Amino acid sequence: MSEKDDFRQRLGGPTYKLQKALAEVGLGSRRDMEGLVREGRVTVNGAPAAIGARVGPSDVILVDGRPIGRSREGEAPRVLLYYKPEGEIVSHDDPGGRASVFDHLPPPRGGKWLAVGRLDLNTSGLLVFTTSGELANRMMHPRYEVEREYAVRVLGRVTPEQQKKLVTGIELDDGVGRCESIRDQGGEGANHWYHVVIREGRNREVRRLFDALRLRVSRLMRVRFGTLTLPRDLKRGRYIELRRREVGELMAELGLQAGPVRTEAARGSRPERHRRPGYRSR
């Protein structure tokens, strides 16, 4: 440890790698962050950053001239479960002025809310938000094959032959897509419900798989992401925040380490009954 690092540890807490600090705010993977540093797009305290540099809580980090927000060192990330209704976009900025999922979230401290994956305008259900870029990346990256479960309502029924194709694989524009499983959930009249599980989470993948079989999807809702499930009594447009134990369990499931976490529950954000149904341990 250098004298500079030792001085920082005694005064302002431990130092940590610059790539980790950048990844934690959701700018990309640590490897991606190394690329930003090599391109000269990152400065620390006004000077160009170097690969392997270590930063502390008091250091000012700029990416493309803009400061990044960071959580306090050693503090575990916050995690929200949000019930996205149809008609909301998963974006901070929209030229059309449409409603955004971020309009309903509490202001984070020392960072920003990162959406773990996206849902298109006409898809509802579970959205996970976190203040940790590393956690978000671990849940989203295809390499980790985290399951996503969707409830799909179609016009008519999916034949056994079509179900087999969904599981064995269907050629899409960006490669072969497939479902890990498909379960018949019943229905009434012309509409029928199915639950499907996928692992990659490519853009509009479920809709495109069903479209490839000429099956009309009349409603699509995500009900599970990994071990996180959509709480049954959570109303549309509302959220709940995971508690310290639940965040720790989630981090352990993902092979990450968690420190102490501070949560901030907004008024009316928690259901009155069955307040903690959103986490399911395997």
C-alpha atoms as a PDB file:
ATOM      1  CA  MET A   1       0.000   0.000   0.000  1.00  0.00           C
ATOM      2  CA  SER A   2       1.339   3.433  -0.948  1.00  0.00           C
ATOM      3  CA  GLU A   3       1.741   6.256   1.568  1.00  0.00           C
ATOM      4  CA  LYS A   4      -1.045   8.102  -0.249  1.00  0.00           C
ATOM      5  CA  ASP A   5      -3.458   5.152   0.102  1.00  0.00           C
ATOM      6  CA  ASP A   6      -2.495   4.698   3.748  1.00  0.00           C
ATOM      7  CA  PHE A   7      -3.184   8.391   4.402  1.00  0.00           C
ATOM      8  CA  ARG A   8      -6.609   8.134   2.757  1.00  0.00           C
ATOM      9  CA  GLN A   9      -7.535   5.058   4.733  1.00  0.00           C
ATOM     10  CA  ARG A  10      -6.746   6.822   7.995  1.00  0.00           C
ATOM     11  CA  LEU A  11      -8.629   9.993   7.055  1.00  0.00           C
ATOM     12  CA  GLY A  12     -11.466   9.158   4.677  1.00  0.00           C
ATOM     13  CA  GLY A  13     -11.948   5.411   4.467  1.00  0.00           C
ATOM     14  CA  PRO A  14     -10.452   2.742   2.212  1.00  0.00           C
ATOM     15  CA  THR A  15      -9.566   3.286  -1.409  1.00  0.00           C
ATOM     16  CA  TYR A  16     -10.784   1.073  -4.234  1.00  0.00           C
ATOM     17  CA  LYS A  17     -10.132   0.660  -7.929  1.00  0.00           C
ATOM     18  CA  LEU A  18     -11.380   3.334 -10.289  1.00  0.00           C
ATOM     19  CA  GLN A  19     -12.902   0.718 -12.605  1.00  0.00           C
ATOM     20  CA  LYS A  20     -15.016  -0.594  -9.730  1.00  0.00           C
ATOM     21  CA  ALA A  21     -16.229   2.906  -8.834  1.00  0.00           C
ATOM     22  CA  LEU A  22     -17.314   3.521 -12.424  1.00  0.00           C
ATOM     23  CA  ALA A  23     -18.966   0.118 -12.792  1.00  0.00           C
ATOM     24  CA  GLU A  24     -20.883   0.636  -9.556  1.00  0.00           C
ATOM     25  CA  VAL A  25     -22.785   3.603 -11.015  1.00  0.00           C
ATOM     26  CA  GLY A  26     -23.942   1.558 -13.984  1.00  0.00           C
ATOM     27  CA  LEU A  27     -21.676   2.872 -16.742  1.00  0.00           C
ATOM     28  CA  GLY A  28     -20.776  -0.654 -17.812  1.00  0.00           C
ATOM     29  CA  SER A  29     -18.554  -3.555 -16.853  1.00  0.00           C
ATOM     30  CA  ARG A  30     -15.107  -3.064 -15.347  1.00  0.00           C
ATOM     31  CA  ARG A  31     -13.579  -3.982 -18.702  1.00  0.00           C
ATOM     32  CA  ASP A  32     -15.719  -1.324 -20.390  1.00  0.00           C
ATOM     33  CA  MET A  33     -14.489   1.187 -17.827  1.00  0.00           C
ATOM     34  CA  GLU A  34     -10.874   0.382 -18.644  1.00  0.00           C
ATOM     35  CA  GLY A  35     -11.681   1.376 -22.211  1.00  0.00           C
ATOM     36  CA  LEU A  36     -13.053   4.739 -21.057  1.00  0.00           C
ATOM     37  CA  VAL A  37      -9.881   5.383 -19.069  1.00  0.00           C
ATOM     38  CA  ARG A  38      -7.623   4.474 -22.013  1.00  0.00           C
ATOM     39  CA  GLU A  39      -9.607   6.827 -24.251  1.00  0.00           C
ATOM     40  CA  GLY A  40      -8.856   9.678 -21.842  1.00  0.00           C
ATOM     41  CA  ARG A  41     -12.523  10.250 -20.998  1.00  0.00           C
ATOM     42  CA  VAL A  42     -12.035   9.932 -17.218  1.00  0.00           C
ATOM     43  CA  THR A  43     -10.398  12.379 -14.836  1.00  0.00           C
ATOM     44  CA  VAL A  44      -9.748  12.179 -11.111  1.00  0.00           C
ATOM     45  CA  ASN A  45      -9.398  15.479  -9.261  1.00  0.00           C
ATOM     46  CA  GLY A  46      -8.857  17.273 -12.565  1.00  0.00           C
ATOM     47  CA  ALA A  47      -6.087  15.022 -13.878  1.00  0.00           C
ATOM     48  CA  PRO A  48      -6.377  12.287 -16.539  1.00  0.00           C
ATOM     49  CA  ALA A  49      -7.019   8.925 -14.887  1.00  0.00           C
ATOM     50  CA  ALA A  50      -4.760   5.915 -15.271  1.00  0.00           C
ATOM     51  CA  ILE A  51      -5.578   2.208 -15.407  1.00  0.00           C
ATOM     52  CA  GLY A  52      -5.287   0.752 -11.905  1.00  0.00           C
ATOM     53  CA  ALA A  53      -5.748   4.098 -10.139  1.00  0.00           C
ATOM     54  CA  ARG A  54      -7.333   3.935  -6.707  1.00  0.00           C
ATOM     55  CA  VAL A  55      -9.876   6.445  -5.469  1.00  0.00           C
ATOM     56  CA  GLY A  56     -11.405   7.325  -2.136  1.00  0.00           C
ATOM     57  CA  PRO A  57     -14.637   8.954  -0.934  1.00  0.00           C
ATOM     58  CA  SER A  58     -13.247  12.490  -1.298  1.00  0.00           C
ATOM     59  CA  ASP A  59     -11.968  12.113  -4.880  1.00  0.00           C
ATOM     60  CA  VAL A  60     -13.867  13.879  -7.681  1.00  0.00           C
ATOM     61  CA  ILE A  61     -14.377  11.595 -10.690  1.00  0.00           C
ATOM     62  CA  LEU A  62     -15.555  12.989 -14.032  1.00  0.00           C
ATOM     63  CA  VAL A  63     -16.557  11.002 -17.109  1.00  0.00           C
ATOM     64  CA  ASP A  64     -16.729  13.101 -20.260  1.00  0.00           C
ATOM     65  CA  GLY A  65     -16.619  16.153 -17.992  1.00  0.00           C
ATOM     66  CA  ARG A  66     -19.596  15.067 -15.884  1.00  0.00           C
ATOM     67  CA  PRO A  67     -19.332  14.049 -12.223  1.00  0.00           C
ATOM     68  CA  ILE A  68     -20.523  10.596 -11.231  1.00  0.00           C
ATOM     69  CA  GLY A  69     -22.600   9.959  -8.115  1.00  0.00           C
ATOM     70  CA  ARG A  70     -21.318   7.277  -5.740  1.00  0.00           C
ATOM     71  CA  SER A  71     -22.647   5.502  -2.696  1.00  0.00           C
ATOM     72  CA  ARG A  72     -20.564   5.684   0.431  1.00  0.00           C
ATOM     73  CA  GLU A  73     -17.840   3.055   0.582  1.00  0.00           C
ATOM     74  CA  GLY A  74     -18.887  -0.143   2.302  1.00  0.00           C
ATOM     75  CA  GLU A  75     -22.596   0.588   1.986  1.00  0.00           C
ATOM     76  CA  ALA A  76     -24.622  -2.121   0.290  1.00  0.00           C
ATOM     77  CA  PRO A  77     -26.794  -1.198  -2.706  1.00  0.00           C
ATOM     78  CA  ARG A  78     -30.456  -0.431  -2.481  1.00  0.00           C
ATOM     79  CA  VAL A  79     -32.928  -2.556  -4.430  1.00  0.00           C
ATOM     80  CA  LEU A  80     -36.492  -1.676  -5.409  1.00  0.00           C
ATOM     81  CA  LEU A  81     -39.236  -3.857  -6.890  1.00  0.00           C
ATOM     82  CA  TYR A  82     -41.562  -1.784  -9.076  1.00  0.00           C
ATOM     83  CA  TYR A  83     -44.826  -2.826 -10.718  1.00  0.00           C
ATOM     84  CA  LYS A  84     -44.646  -1.217 -14.149  1.00  0.00           C
ATOM     85  CA  PRO A  85     -48.001  -0.549 -15.788  1.00  0.00           C
ATOM     86  CA  GLU A  86     -48.454  -0.500 -19.542  1.00  0.00           C
ATOM     87  CA  GLY A  87     -47.855   2.906 -21.089  1.00  0.00           C
ATOM     88  CA  GLU A  88     -44.695   3.841 -19.159  1.00  0.00           C
ATOM     89  CA  ILE A  89     -41.245   3.942 -20.710  1.00  0.00           C
ATOM     90  CA  VAL A  90     -38.027   2.813 -19.030  1.00  0.00           C
ATOM     91  CA  SER A  91     -36.021   5.947 -19.718  1.00  0.00           C
ATOM     92  CA  HIS A  92     -35.059   9.205 -18.029  1.00  0.00           C
ATOM     93  CA  ASP A  93     -35.571  11.263 -21.187  1.00  0.00           C
ATOM     94  CA  ASP A  94     -38.300  11.074 -23.804  1.00  0.00           C
ATOM     95  CA  PRO A  95     -38.803  13.738 -26.489  1.00  0.00           C
ATOM     96  CA  GLY A  96     -42.483  12.795 -26.599  1.00  0.00           C
ATOM     97  CA  GLY A  97     -42.976  13.535 -22.918  1.00  0.00           C
ATOM     98  CA  ARG A  98     -44.411  10.106 -22.123  1.00  0.00           C
ATOM     99  CA  ALA A  99     -44.744   8.859 -18.560  1.00  0.00           C
ATOM    100  CA  SER A 100     -41.569   7.251 -17.208  1.00  0.00           C
ATOM    101  CA  VAL A 101     -41.082   4.581 -14.566  1.00  0.00           C
ATOM    102  CA  PHE A 102     -38.503   6.874 -12.956  1.00  0.00           C
ATOM    103  CA  ASP A 103     -41.247   9.407 -12.170  1.00  0.00           C
ATOM    104  CA  HIS A 104     -42.473   7.160  -9.345  1.00  0.00           C
ATOM    105  CA  LEU A 105     -39.178   6.300  -7.630  1.00  0.00           C
ATOM    106  CA  PRO A 106     -37.765   7.944  -4.477  1.00  0.00           C
ATOM    107  CA  PRO A 107     -34.612  10.043  -4.872  1.00  0.00           C
ATOM    108  CA  PRO A 108     -31.530   7.886  -4.195  1.00  0.00           C
ATOM    109  CA  ARG A 109     -28.680   9.144  -2.040  1.00  0.00           C
ATOM    110  CA  GLY A 110     -25.143   9.103  -3.391  1.00  0.00           C
ATOM    111  CA  GLY A 111     -25.997   7.522  -6.744  1.00  0.00           C
ATOM    112  CA  LYS A 112     -28.811   6.941  -9.199  1.00  0.00           C
ATOM    113  CA  TRP A 113     -31.441   4.297  -9.899  1.00  0.00           C
ATOM    114  CA  LEU A 114     -30.427   1.779 -12.531  1.00  0.00           C
ATOM    115  CA  ALA A 115     -33.087  -0.322 -14.242  1.00  0.00           C
ATOM    116  CA  VAL A 116     -32.178  -4.011 -14.295  1.00  0.00           C
ATOM    117  CA  GLY A 117     -33.285  -4.763 -17.830  1.00  0.00           C
ATOM    118  CA  ARG A 118     -36.172  -3.084 -19.582  1.00  0.00           C
ATOM    119  CA  LEU A 119     -39.807  -3.648 -20.430  1.00  0.00           C
ATOM    120  CA  ASP A 120     -41.281  -2.146 -23.569  1.00  0.00           C
ATOM    121  CA  LEU A 121     -44.125   0.355 -23.575  1.00  0.00           C
ATOM    122  CA  ASN A 122     -46.864  -2.269 -23.821  1.00  0.00           C
ATOM    123  CA  THR A 123     -45.368  -4.744 -21.327  1.00  0.00           C
ATOM    124  CA  SER A 124     -46.172  -4.584 -17.617  1.00  0.00           C
ATOM    125  CA  GLY A 125     -44.903  -6.315 -14.494  1.00  0.00           C
ATOM    126  CA  LEU A 126     -41.768  -6.547 -12.417  1.00  0.00           C
ATOM    127  CA  LEU A 127     -38.976  -4.038 -12.849  1.00  0.00           C
ATOM    128  CA  VAL A 128     -35.956  -4.199 -10.542  1.00  0.00           C
ATOM    129  CA  PHE A 129     -34.013  -1.031  -9.715  1.00  0.00           C
ATOM    130  CA  THR A 130     -30.736  -0.786  -7.873  1.00  0.00           C
ATOM    131  CA  THR A 131     -28.025   1.748  -7.062  1.00  0.00           C
ATOM    132  CA  SER A 132     -25.312  -0.799  -7.961  1.00  0.00           C
ATOM    133  CA  GLY A 133     -24.069  -1.117 -11.522  1.00  0.00           C
ATOM    134  CA  GLU A 134     -22.267  -4.333 -10.612  1.00  0.00           C
ATOM    135  CA  LEU A 135     -25.458  -5.925  -9.280  1.00  0.00           C
ATOM    136  CA  ALA A 136     -27.424  -4.767 -12.340  1.00  0.00           C
ATOM    137  CA  ASN A 137     -24.791  -6.145 -14.691  1.00  0.00           C
ATOM    138  CA  ARG A 138     -24.688  -9.481 -12.867  1.00  0.00           C
ATOM    139  CA  MET A 139     -28.460  -9.881 -13.218  1.00  0.00           C
ATOM    140  CA  MET A 140     -28.649  -8.756 -16.861  1.00  0.00           C
ATOM    141  CA  HIS A 141     -25.534 -10.204 -18.512  1.00  0.00           C
ATOM    142  CA  PRO A 142     -26.323 -13.295 -20.625  1.00  0.00           C
ATOM    143  CA  ARG A 143     -23.251 -15.040 -19.212  1.00  0.00           C
ATOM    144  CA  TYR A 144     -24.954 -15.436 -15.822  1.00  0.00           C
ATOM    145  CA  GLU A 145     -28.199 -16.799 -17.337  1.00  0.00           C
ATOM    146  CA  VAL A 146     -30.515 -15.289 -14.731  1.00  0.00           C
ATOM    147  CA  GLU A 147     -34.071 -16.453 -15.385  1.00  0.00           C
ATOM    148  CA  ARG A 148     -36.905 -14.117 -16.378  1.00  0.00           C
ATOM    149  CA  GLU A 149     -40.447 -15.435 -16.123  1.00  0.00           C
ATOM    150  CA  TYR A 150     -43.330 -13.913 -18.077  1.00  0.00           C
ATOM    151  CA  ALA A 151     -47.080 -14.380 -18.091  1.00  0.00           C
ATOM    152  CA  VAL A 152     -48.207 -14.374 -21.713  1.00  0.00           C
ATOM    153  CA  ARG A 153     -51.811 -14.098 -22.882  1.00  0.00           C
ATOM    154  CA  VAL A 154     -52.385 -15.233 -26.445  1.00  0.00           C
ATOM    155  CA  LEU A 155     -55.357 -15.376 -28.722  1.00  0.00           C
ATOM    156  CA  GLY A 156     -56.096 -19.081 -29.023  1.00  0.00           C
ATOM    157  CA  ARG A 157     -53.896 -21.897 -27.783  1.00  0.00           C
ATOM    158  CA  VAL A 158     -50.283 -22.867 -28.258  1.00  0.00           C
ATOM    159  CA  THR A 159     -50.206 -26.311 -29.809  1.00  0.00           C
ATOM    160  CA  PRO A 160     -47.854 -29.030 -28.491  1.00  0.00           C
ATOM    161  CA  GLU A 161     -45.799 -28.658 -31.670  1.00  0.00           C
ATOM    162  CA  GLN A 162     -45.466 -24.902 -31.129  1.00  0.00           C
ATOM    163  CA  GLN A 163     -44.531 -25.424 -27.483  1.00  0.00           C
ATOM    164  CA  LYS A 164     -41.789 -27.796 -28.583  1.00  0.00           C
ATOM    165  CA  LYS A 165     -40.423 -25.205 -31.005  1.00  0.00           C
ATOM    166  CA  LEU A 166     -40.385 -22.560 -28.272  1.00  0.00           C
ATOM    167  CA  VAL A 167     -38.281 -24.815 -26.075  1.00  0.00           C
ATOM    168  CA  THR A 168     -35.944 -26.245 -28.741  1.00  0.00           C
ATOM    169  CA  GLY A 169     -35.289 -22.875 -30.391  1.00  0.00           C
ATOM    170  CA  ILE A 170     -36.552 -20.524 -33.091  1.00  0.00           C
ATOM    171  CA  GLU A 171     -34.391 -18.552 -35.521  1.00  0.00           C
ATOM    172  CA  LEU A 172     -34.763 -14.801 -34.904  1.00  0.00           C
ATOM    173  CA  ASP A 173     -33.098 -11.793 -36.549  1.00  0.00           C
ATOM    174  CA  ASP A 174     -30.360 -11.761 -33.884  1.00  0.00           C
ATOM    175  CA  GLY A 175     -29.852 -15.513 -33.563  1.00  0.00           C
ATOM    176  CA  VAL A 176     -31.692 -18.486 -32.153  1.00  0.00           C
ATOM    177  CA  GLY A 177     -34.043 -17.724 -29.254  1.00  0.00           C
ATOM    178  CA  ARG A 178     -35.675 -20.209 -26.945  1.00  0.00           C
ATOM    179  CA  CYS A 179     -37.688 -20.627 -23.779  1.00  0.00           C
ATOM    180  CA  GLU A 180     -36.390 -22.688 -20.898  1.00  0.00           C
ATOM    181  CA  SER A 181     -39.937 -23.817 -20.179  1.00  0.00           C
ATOM    182  CA  ILE A 182     -43.571 -23.089 -20.980  1.00  0.00           C
ATOM    183  CA  ARG A 183     -46.532 -23.845 -18.696  1.00  0.00           C
ATOM    184  CA  ASP A 184     -50.221 -23.754 -19.536  1.00  0.00           C
ATOM    185  CA  GLN A 185     -52.012 -21.482 -17.044  1.00  0.00           C
ATOM    186  CA  GLY A 186     -55.526 -21.822 -18.442  1.00  0.00           C
ATOM    187  CA  GLY A 187     -57.920 -19.145 -19.604  1.00  0.00           C
ATOM    188  CA  GLU A 188     -61.434 -18.318 -20.667  1.00  0.00           C
ATOM    189  CA  GLY A 189     -62.955 -17.670 -24.058  1.00  0.00           C
ATOM    190  CA  ALA A 190     -60.569 -16.939 -26.905  1.00  0.00           C
ATOM    191  CA  ASN A 191     -57.656 -15.916 -24.653  1.00  0.00           C
ATOM    192  CA  HIS A 192     -55.264 -18.334 -22.992  1.00  0.00           C
ATOM    193  CA  TRP A 193     -52.448 -17.733 -20.482  1.00  0.00           C
ATOM    194  CA  TYR A 194     -48.990 -19.323 -20.463  1.00  0.00           C
ATOM    195  CA  HIS A 195     -45.934 -18.799 -18.278  1.00  0.00           C
ATOM    196  CA  VAL A 196     -42.596 -18.878 -20.078  1.00  0.00           C
ATOM    197  CA  VAL A 197     -39.057 -18.666 -18.724  1.00  0.00           C
ATOM    198  CA  ILE A 198     -36.130 -17.222 -20.669  1.00  0.00           C
ATOM    199  CA  ARG A 199     -32.508 -16.595 -19.671  1.00  0.00           C
ATOM    200  CA  GLU A 200     -31.054 -14.110 -22.169  1.00  0.00           C
ATOM    201  CA  GLY A 201     -33.509 -11.214 -22.009  1.00  0.00           C
ATOM    202  CA  ARG A 202     -32.909  -9.894 -25.520  1.00  0.00           C
ATOM    203  CA  ASN A 203     -34.979  -6.970 -26.766  1.00  0.00           C
ATOM    204  CA  ARG A 204     -38.664  -7.990 -27.077  1.00  0.00           C
ATOM    205  CA  GLU A 205     -37.554 -11.610 -27.131  1.00  0.00           C
ATOM    206  CA  VAL A 206     -40.787 -13.167 -25.841  1.00  0.00           C
ATOM    207  CA  ARG A 207     -42.953 -11.218 -28.263  1.00  0.00           C
ATOM    208  CA  ARG A 208     -40.674 -12.078 -31.182  1.00  0.00           C
ATOM    209  CA  LEU A 209     -40.694 -15.783 -30.326  1.00  0.00           C
ATOM    210  CA  PHE A 210     -44.479 -15.866 -30.333  1.00  0.00           C
ATOM    211  CA  ASP A 211     -44.675 -13.677 -33.440  1.00  0.00           C
ATOM    212  CA  ALA A 212     -42.415 -16.156 -35.244  1.00  0.00           C
ATOM    213  CA  LEU A 213     -45.083 -18.810 -34.627  1.00  0.00           C
ATOM    214  CA  ARG A 214     -47.831 -16.402 -35.752  1.00  0.00           C
ATOM    215  CA  LEU A 215     -49.294 -16.328 -32.256  1.00  0.00           C
ATOM    216  CA  ARG A 216     -50.889 -13.046 -31.250  1.00  0.00           C
ATOM    217  CA  VAL A 217     -49.781 -11.817 -27.815  1.00  0.00           C
ATOM    218  CA  SER A 218     -52.584  -9.723 -26.312  1.00  0.00           C
ATOM    219  CA  ARG A 219     -50.885  -9.151 -22.965  1.00  0.00           C
ATOM    220  CA  LEU A 220     -47.369  -9.646 -21.592  1.00  0.00           C
ATOM    221  CA  MET A 221     -46.280  -9.281 -17.980  1.00  0.00           C
ATOM    222  CA  ARG A 222     -42.991 -10.115 -16.239  1.00  0.00           C
ATOM    223  CA  VAL A 223     -43.676 -11.885 -12.957  1.00  0.00           C
ATOM    224  CA  ARG A 224     -40.179 -12.948 -11.883  1.00  0.00           C
ATOM    225  CA  PHE A 225     -36.549 -11.918 -12.354  1.00  0.00           C
ATOM    226  CA  GLY A 226     -34.140 -14.451 -10.861  1.00  0.00           C
ATOM    227  CA  THR A 227     -35.249 -15.020  -7.268  1.00  0.00           C
ATOM    228  CA  LEU A 228     -37.258 -11.793  -7.177  1.00  0.00           C
ATOM    229  CA  THR A 229     -40.990 -12.140  -7.786  1.00  0.00           C
ATOM    230  CA  LEU A 230     -43.699  -9.543  -8.342  1.00  0.00           C
ATOM    231  CA  PRO A 231     -45.525  -9.127  -5.001  1.00  0.00           C
ATOM    232  CA  ARG A 232     -49.170 -10.118  -5.342  1.00  0.00           C
ATOM    233  CA  ASP A 233     -50.499  -7.144  -3.402  1.00  0.00           C
ATOM    234  CA  LEU A 234     -48.248  -4.539  -4.989  1.00  0.00           C
ATOM    235  CA  LYS A 235     -50.340  -2.083  -6.996  1.00  0.00           C
ATOM    236  CA  ARG A 236     -49.392  -0.870 -10.443  1.00  0.00           C
ATOM    237  CA  GLY A 237     -47.152   2.170 -10.403  1.00  0.00           C
ATOM    238  CA  ARG A 238     -45.942   1.411  -6.856  1.00  0.00           C
ATOM    239  CA  TYR A 239     -42.758  -0.082  -5.419  1.00  0.00           C
ATOM    240  CA  ILE A 240     -41.319  -1.746  -2.358  1.00  0.00           C
ATOM    241  CA  GLU A 241     -37.715  -1.713  -1.181  1.00  0.00           C
ATOM    242  CA  LEU A 242     -35.864  -4.833  -0.122  1.00  0.00           C
ATOM    243  CA  ARG A 243     -34.623  -4.974   3.449  1.00  0.00           C
ATOM    244  CA  ARG A 244     -31.039  -5.502   4.557  1.00  0.00           C
ATOM    245  CA  ARG A 245     -31.367  -9.274   4.891  1.00  0.00           C
ATOM    246  CA  GLU A 246     -33.045  -9.609   1.506  1.00  0.00           C
ATOM    247  CA  VAL A 247     -30.388  -7.506  -0.222  1.00  0.00           C
ATOM    248  CA  GLY A 248     -27.722  -9.673   1.383  1.00  0.00           C
ATOM    249  CA  GLU A 249     -29.434 -12.850   0.218  1.00  0.00           C
ATOM    250  CA  LEU A 250     -29.775 -11.491  -3.302  1.00  0.00           C
ATOM    251  CA  MET A 251     -26.108 -10.498  -3.411  1.00  0.00           C
ATOM    252  CA  ALA A 252     -25.108 -13.958  -2.177  1.00  0.00           C
ATOM    253  CA  GLU A 253     -27.267 -15.576  -4.879  1.00  0.00           C
ATOM    254  CA  LEU A 254     -25.407 -13.505  -7.469  1.00  0.00           C
ATOM    255  CA  GLY A 255     -21.969 -14.223  -6.028  1.00  0.00           C
ATOM    256  CA  LEU A 256     -21.442 -10.669  -4.799  1.00  0.00           C
ATOM    257  CA  GLN A 257     -20.533  -9.259  -1.411  1.00  0.00           C
ATOM    258  CA  ALA A 258     -22.798  -6.907   0.485  1.00  0.00           C
ATOM    259  CA  GLY A 259     -22.085  -4.398   3.237  1.00  0.00           C
ATOM    260  CA  PRO A 260     -24.531  -2.641   5.566  1.00  0.00           C
ATOM    261  CA  VAL A 261     -27.485  -1.139   3.721  1.00  0.00           C
ATOM    262  CA  ARG A 262     -29.605   1.906   4.476  1.00  0.00           C
ATOM    263  CA  THR A 263     -33.106   1.999   3.060  1.00  0.00           C
ATOM    264  CA  GLU A 264     -35.483   4.901   2.592  1.00  0.00           C
ATOM    265  CA  ALA A 265     -39.142   3.943   2.315  1.00  0.00           C
ATOM    266  CA  ALA A 266     -41.290   6.554   0.648  1.00  0.00           C
ATOM    267  CA  ARG A 267     -44.740   7.214   2.012  1.00  0.00           C
ATOM    268  CA  GLY A 268     -47.269   4.752   0.631  1.00  0.00           C
ATOM    269  CA  SER A 269     -44.622   2.668  -1.118  1.00  0.00           C
ATOM    270  CA  ARG A 270     -45.173  -0.535   0.864  1.00  0.00           C
ATOM    271  CA  PRO A 271     -48.275  -2.716   0.747  1.00  0.00           C
ATOM    272  CA  GLU A 272     -50.052  -2.932   4.072  1.00  0.00           C
ATOM    273  CA  ARG A 273     -50.256  -6.720   4.061  1.00  0.00           C
ATOM    274  CA  HIS A 274     -47.731  -9.386   3.025  1.00  0.00           C
ATOM    275  CA  ARG A 275     -45.092  -6.721   2.956  1.00  0.00           C
ATOM    276  CA  ARG A 276     -42.187  -8.939   1.983  1.00  0.00           C
ATOM    277  CA  PRO A 277     -43.394 -11.323  -0.731  1.00  0.00           C
ATOM    278  CA  GLY A 278     -40.958 -10.124  -3.365  1.00  0.00           C
ATOM    279  CA  TYR A 279     -37.965 -12.287  -2.485  1.00  0.00           C
ATOM    280  CA  ARG A 280     -37.909 -16.010  -3.010  1.00  0.00           C
ATOM    281  CA  SER A 281     -34.883 -17.991  -1.949  1.00  0.00           C
ATOM    282  CA  ARG A 282     -34.065 -21.052  -3.972  1.00  0.00           C
END
